[in-house]
Amino acid sequence: MPVKTNFPIVSLSSVPQADYQSSAKESPTILLVHPERIIADTLSLIFNTNGFLAMTAYNVSTAMESALLAPPQLLIVDGEINHKNGNNLAASIREIAPDCKVILFVGHVGMNGLTTSLYQDENDIVFMTKPIHPATVLARARECFQAMNRKLSYALGDVLLE
């Protein structure tokens, strides 16, 4: 039995795609990778309700697939994901998205030989020692995006001055 609606049903192909894409580009894109679903999902909810476009992955392979489909501007990743090094995942994702900034959750500074040597600019990675309050993560993410916007403004200013 067909369902009766009070609005017209249109095919997906007739929906203007440009509107969807432009709204996604206006929101900073974050990839959250954490093996504990409750942590990843909670952070994703917090970021999505605060004007970000947050994608969630619970393991390395899903994170890589997500990054290939939609390269993130910011990666928030646990230092250890299912016995794999989160810093190695960050390096792999930065091969896909070279300008991607990284927030890495660690048990303690210097954990598992994590290093900033993989990054051109020390501002490309932020180490945050667990436990971390979600409001602190949100604030650090905002700082990362503000720094990216300043860097872009300086670059555009240099181009305009030439």
C-alpha atoms as a PDB file:
ATOM      1  CA  MET A   1       0.000   0.000   0.000  1.00  0.00           C
ATOM      2  CA  PRO A   2       1.576   3.337  -1.047  1.00  0.00           C
ATOM      3  CA  VAL A   3       2.164   5.947   1.604  1.00  0.00           C
ATOM      4  CA  LYS A   4       0.228   9.174   1.130  1.00  0.00           C
ATOM      5  CA  THR A   5       2.221  12.379   1.656  1.00  0.00           C
ATOM      6  CA  ASN A   6       1.324  16.056   1.721  1.00  0.00           C
ATOM      7  CA  PHE A   7       4.411  17.030  -0.253  1.00  0.00           C
ATOM      8  CA  PRO A   8       5.746  16.079  -3.661  1.00  0.00           C
ATOM      9  CA  ILE A   9       8.302  13.288  -3.894  1.00  0.00           C
ATOM     10  CA  VAL A  10      11.194  14.006  -6.233  1.00  0.00           C
ATOM     11  CA  SER A  11      13.985  11.811  -7.454  1.00  0.00           C
ATOM     12  CA  LEU A  12      17.408  12.278  -5.894  1.00  0.00           C
ATOM     13  CA  SER A  13      18.890  13.154  -9.285  1.00  0.00           C
ATOM     14  CA  SER A  14      16.617  16.217  -9.499  1.00  0.00           C
ATOM     15  CA  VAL A  15      17.936  17.664  -6.209  1.00  0.00           C
ATOM     16  CA  PRO A  16      20.456  20.448  -6.917  1.00  0.00           C
ATOM     17  CA  GLN A  17      23.856  19.110  -5.848  1.00  0.00           C
ATOM     18  CA  ALA A  18      25.599  22.498  -5.814  1.00  0.00           C
ATOM     19  CA  ASP A  19      23.593  23.611  -2.777  1.00  0.00           C
ATOM     20  CA  TYR A  20      24.608  20.543  -0.809  1.00  0.00           C
ATOM     21  CA  GLN A  21      28.270  20.835  -1.740  1.00  0.00           C
ATOM     22  CA  SER A  22      28.489  24.536  -0.940  1.00  0.00           C
ATOM     23  CA  SER A  23      27.032  24.045   2.532  1.00  0.00           C
ATOM     24  CA  ALA A  24      29.508  21.248   3.253  1.00  0.00           C
ATOM     25  CA  LYS A  25      32.418  23.424   2.136  1.00  0.00           C
ATOM     26  CA  GLU A  26      31.337  26.220   4.478  1.00  0.00           C
ATOM     27  CA  SER A  27      31.640  23.916   7.484  1.00  0.00           C
ATOM     28  CA  PRO A  28      35.157  22.934   8.537  1.00  0.00           C
ATOM     29  CA  THR A  29      35.647  19.206   7.957  1.00  0.00           C
ATOM     30  CA  ILE A  30      36.870  16.995  10.791  1.00  0.00           C
ATOM     31  CA  LEU A  31      37.658  13.283  10.800  1.00  0.00           C
ATOM     32  CA  LEU A  32      37.366  11.807  14.304  1.00  0.00           C
ATOM     33  CA  VAL A  33      39.104   8.463  14.790  1.00  0.00           C
ATOM     34  CA  HIS A  34      38.773   6.682  18.101  1.00  0.00           C
ATOM     35  CA  PRO A  35      38.359   2.952  18.830  1.00  0.00           C
ATOM     36  CA  GLU A  36      35.818   3.619  21.604  1.00  0.00           C
ATOM     37  CA  ARG A  37      32.495   4.327  19.893  1.00  0.00           C
ATOM     38  CA  ILE A  38      31.053   6.303  22.798  1.00  0.00           C
ATOM     39  CA  ILE A  39      33.975   8.733  22.695  1.00  0.00           C
ATOM     40  CA  ALA A  40      34.015   9.060  18.899  1.00  0.00           C
ATOM     41  CA  ASP A  41      30.231   9.433  18.649  1.00  0.00           C
ATOM     42  CA  THR A  42      30.042  11.942  21.510  1.00  0.00           C
ATOM     43  CA  LEU A  43      32.778  14.112  20.002  1.00  0.00           C
ATOM     44  CA  SER A  44      31.139  13.860  16.587  1.00  0.00           C
ATOM     45  CA  LEU A  45      27.827  15.021  18.024  1.00  0.00           C
ATOM     46  CA  ILE A  46      29.511  17.921  19.822  1.00  0.00           C
ATOM     47  CA  PHE A  47      31.337  19.053  16.682  1.00  0.00           C
ATOM     48  CA  ASN A  48      28.318  18.648  14.390  1.00  0.00           C
ATOM     49  CA  THR A  49      26.160  20.734  16.724  1.00  0.00           C
ATOM     50  CA  ASN A  50      28.851  23.441  16.846  1.00  0.00           C
ATOM     51  CA  GLY A  51      29.065  24.190  13.130  1.00  0.00           C
ATOM     52  CA  PHE A  52      31.577  21.588  12.011  1.00  0.00           C
ATOM     53  CA  LEU A  53      31.133  18.693   9.605  1.00  0.00           C
ATOM     54  CA  ALA A  54      32.427  15.721  11.600  1.00  0.00           C
ATOM     55  CA  MET A  55      32.964  12.250  10.180  1.00  0.00           C
ATOM     56  CA  THR A  56      33.606   9.331  12.527  1.00  0.00           C
ATOM     57  CA  ALA A  57      35.755   6.222  12.162  1.00  0.00           C
ATOM     58  CA  TYR A  58      36.505   3.538  14.744  1.00  0.00           C
ATOM     59  CA  ASN A  59      39.482   1.916  13.011  1.00  0.00           C
ATOM     60  CA  VAL A  60      42.348   2.670  10.644  1.00  0.00           C
ATOM     61  CA  SER A  61      40.832   1.187   7.479  1.00  0.00           C
ATOM     62  CA  THR A  62      37.563   3.107   7.824  1.00  0.00           C
ATOM     63  CA  ALA A  63      39.505   6.289   8.582  1.00  0.00           C
ATOM     64  CA  MET A  64      41.564   5.885   5.404  1.00  0.00           C
ATOM     65  CA  GLU A  65      38.444   5.211   3.310  1.00  0.00           C
ATOM     66  CA  SER A  66      36.758   8.299   4.781  1.00  0.00           C
ATOM     67  CA  ALA A  67      39.810  10.469   4.095  1.00  0.00           C
ATOM     68  CA  LEU A  68      39.960   9.276   0.489  1.00  0.00           C
ATOM     69  CA  LEU A  69      36.268  10.103  -0.025  1.00  0.00           C
ATOM     70  CA  ALA A  70      36.339  13.449   1.798  1.00  0.00           C
ATOM     71  CA  PRO A  71      39.812  14.712   2.753  1.00  0.00           C
ATOM     72  CA  PRO A  72      39.566  16.308   6.197  1.00  0.00           C
ATOM     73  CA  GLN A  73      40.898  19.685   7.215  1.00  0.00           C
ATOM     74  CA  LEU A  74      41.423  18.437  10.766  1.00  0.00           C
ATOM     75  CA  LEU A  75      42.099  14.929  12.025  1.00  0.00           C
ATOM     76  CA  ILE A  76      41.351  14.160  15.660  1.00  0.00           C
ATOM     77  CA  VAL A  77      42.828  10.770  16.445  1.00  0.00           C
ATOM     78  CA  ASP A  78      43.628   8.594  19.415  1.00  0.00           C
ATOM     79  CA  GLY A  79      47.299   7.717  19.904  1.00  0.00           C
ATOM     80  CA  GLU A  80      46.461   4.028  19.681  1.00  0.00           C
ATOM     81  CA  ILE A  81      43.710   2.609  17.496  1.00  0.00           C
ATOM     82  CA  ASN A  82      43.194  -1.131  17.848  1.00  0.00           C
ATOM     83  CA  HIS A  83      46.916  -1.687  18.570  1.00  0.00           C
ATOM     84  CA  LYS A  84      48.002   0.628  15.719  1.00  0.00           C
ATOM     85  CA  ASN A  85      49.805   3.936  16.081  1.00  0.00           C
ATOM     86  CA  GLY A  86      47.574   6.979  15.588  1.00  0.00           C
ATOM     87  CA  ASN A  87      50.559   9.053  14.482  1.00  0.00           C
ATOM     88  CA  ASN A  88      51.158   6.652  11.573  1.00  0.00           C
ATOM     89  CA  LEU A  89      47.513   7.034  10.572  1.00  0.00           C
ATOM     90  CA  ALA A  90      47.909  10.818  10.732  1.00  0.00           C
ATOM     91  CA  ALA A  91      50.959  10.626   8.445  1.00  0.00           C
ATOM     92  CA  SER A  92      49.013   8.503   5.936  1.00  0.00           C
ATOM     93  CA  ILE A  93      46.040  10.866   5.961  1.00  0.00           C
ATOM     94  CA  ARG A  94      48.362  13.848   5.488  1.00  0.00           C
ATOM     95  CA  GLU A  95      49.581  12.178   2.282  1.00  0.00           C
ATOM     96  CA  ILE A  96      45.975  12.434   1.077  1.00  0.00           C
ATOM     97  CA  ALA A  97      45.315  15.869   2.635  1.00  0.00           C
ATOM     98  CA  PRO A  98      48.699  17.617   3.097  1.00  0.00           C
ATOM     99  CA  ASP A  99      47.205  20.691   4.794  1.00  0.00           C
ATOM    100  CA  CYS A 100      45.271  18.608   7.324  1.00  0.00           C
ATOM    101  CA  LYS A 101      46.005  19.597  10.918  1.00  0.00           C
ATOM    102  CA  VAL A 102      46.141  16.885  13.577  1.00  0.00           C
ATOM    103  CA  ILE A 103      45.007  16.661  17.183  1.00  0.00           C
ATOM    104  CA  LEU A 104      46.468  13.495  18.699  1.00  0.00           C
ATOM    105  CA  PHE A 105      45.188  12.111  22.007  1.00  0.00           C
ATOM    106  CA  VAL A 106      48.017  10.501  23.975  1.00  0.00           C
ATOM    107  CA  GLY A 107      48.313   8.763  27.332  1.00  0.00           C
ATOM    108  CA  HIS A 108      51.374  10.881  28.087  1.00  0.00           C
ATOM    109  CA  VAL A 109      53.700  13.129  26.111  1.00  0.00           C
ATOM    110  CA  GLY A 110      56.337  11.063  24.295  1.00  0.00           C
ATOM    111  CA  MET A 111      54.047   8.019  24.179  1.00  0.00           C
ATOM    112  CA  ASN A 112      55.160   5.216  21.841  1.00  0.00           C
ATOM    113  CA  GLY A 113      57.828   7.351  20.200  1.00  0.00           C
ATOM    114  CA  LEU A 114      55.315   9.824  18.794  1.00  0.00           C
ATOM    115  CA  THR A 115      57.118  12.665  17.139  1.00  0.00           C
ATOM    116  CA  THR A 116      56.530  15.979  15.456  1.00  0.00           C
ATOM    117  CA  SER A 117      59.283  15.251  12.910  1.00  0.00           C
ATOM    118  CA  LEU A 118      56.658  14.090  10.396  1.00  0.00           C
ATOM    119  CA  TYR A 119      55.245  17.612  10.246  1.00  0.00           C
ATOM    120  CA  GLN A 120      56.693  20.635   8.438  1.00  0.00           C
ATOM    121  CA  ASP A 121      55.249  23.050  10.950  1.00  0.00           C
ATOM    122  CA  GLU A 122      54.962  22.251  14.647  1.00  0.00           C
ATOM    123  CA  ASN A 123      51.524  23.902  14.507  1.00  0.00           C
ATOM    124  CA  ASP A 124      50.344  21.080  12.221  1.00  0.00           C
ATOM    125  CA  ILE A 125      49.975  18.756  15.225  1.00  0.00           C
ATOM    126  CA  VAL A 126      48.649  19.244  18.731  1.00  0.00           C
ATOM    127  CA  PHE A 127      49.257  16.595  21.376  1.00  0.00           C
ATOM    128  CA  MET A 128      46.555  16.396  24.032  1.00  0.00           C
ATOM    129  CA  THR A 129      47.122  14.243  27.098  1.00  0.00           C
ATOM    130  CA  LYS A 130      44.196  12.109  28.264  1.00  0.00           C
ATOM    131  CA  PRO A 131      41.801  12.493  29.953  1.00  0.00           C
ATOM    132  CA  ILE A 132      40.532  15.413  27.899  1.00  0.00           C
ATOM    133  CA  HIS A 133      37.315  17.310  28.446  1.00  0.00           C
ATOM    134  CA  PRO A 134      35.279  17.626  25.207  1.00  0.00           C
ATOM    135  CA  ALA A 135      35.074  21.420  25.612  1.00  0.00           C
ATOM    136  CA  THR A 136      38.876  21.533  25.561  1.00  0.00           C
ATOM    137  CA  VAL A 137      38.977  19.489  22.342  1.00  0.00           C
ATOM    138  CA  LEU A 138      36.385  21.803  20.782  1.00  0.00           C
ATOM    139  CA  ALA A 139      38.414  24.868  21.787  1.00  0.00           C
ATOM    140  CA  ARG A 140      41.635  23.404  20.342  1.00  0.00           C
ATOM    141  CA  ALA A 141      39.858  22.524  17.089  1.00  0.00           C
ATOM    142  CA  ARG A 142      38.592  26.094  16.812  1.00  0.00           C
ATOM    143  CA  GLU A 143      42.144  27.353  17.396  1.00  0.00           C
ATOM    144  CA  CYS A 144      43.404  25.071  14.606  1.00  0.00           C
ATOM    145  CA  PHE A 145      40.827  26.437  12.162  1.00  0.00           C
ATOM    146  CA  GLN A 146      41.544  30.030  13.191  1.00  0.00           C
ATOM    147  CA  ALA A 147      45.251  29.419  12.539  1.00  0.00           C
ATOM    148  CA  MET A 148      44.411  27.905   9.128  1.00  0.00           C
ATOM    149  CA  ASN A 149      42.269  30.930   8.262  1.00  0.00           C
ATOM    150  CA  ARG A 150      45.044  33.331   9.312  1.00  0.00           C
ATOM    151  CA  LYS A 151      47.579  31.393   7.226  1.00  0.00           C
ATOM    152  CA  LEU A 152      45.218  31.501   4.229  1.00  0.00           C
ATOM    153  CA  SER A 153      44.617  35.237   4.717  1.00  0.00           C
ATOM    154  CA  TYR A 154      48.370  35.897   4.792  1.00  0.00           C
ATOM    155  CA  ALA A 155      48.883  33.805   1.665  1.00  0.00           C
ATOM    156  CA  LEU A 156      46.079  35.622  -0.160  1.00  0.00           C
ATOM    157  CA  GLY A 157      47.460  38.954   0.984  1.00  0.00           C
ATOM    158  CA  ASP A 158      50.888  38.056  -0.415  1.00  0.00           C
ATOM    159  CA  VAL A 159      49.323  37.106  -3.747  1.00  0.00           C
ATOM    160  CA  LEU A 160      47.346  40.341  -3.893  1.00  0.00           C
ATOM    161  CA  LEU A 161      50.436  42.417  -3.137  1.00  0.00           C
ATOM    162  CA  GLU A 162      52.389  40.887  -6.041  1.00  0.00           C
END
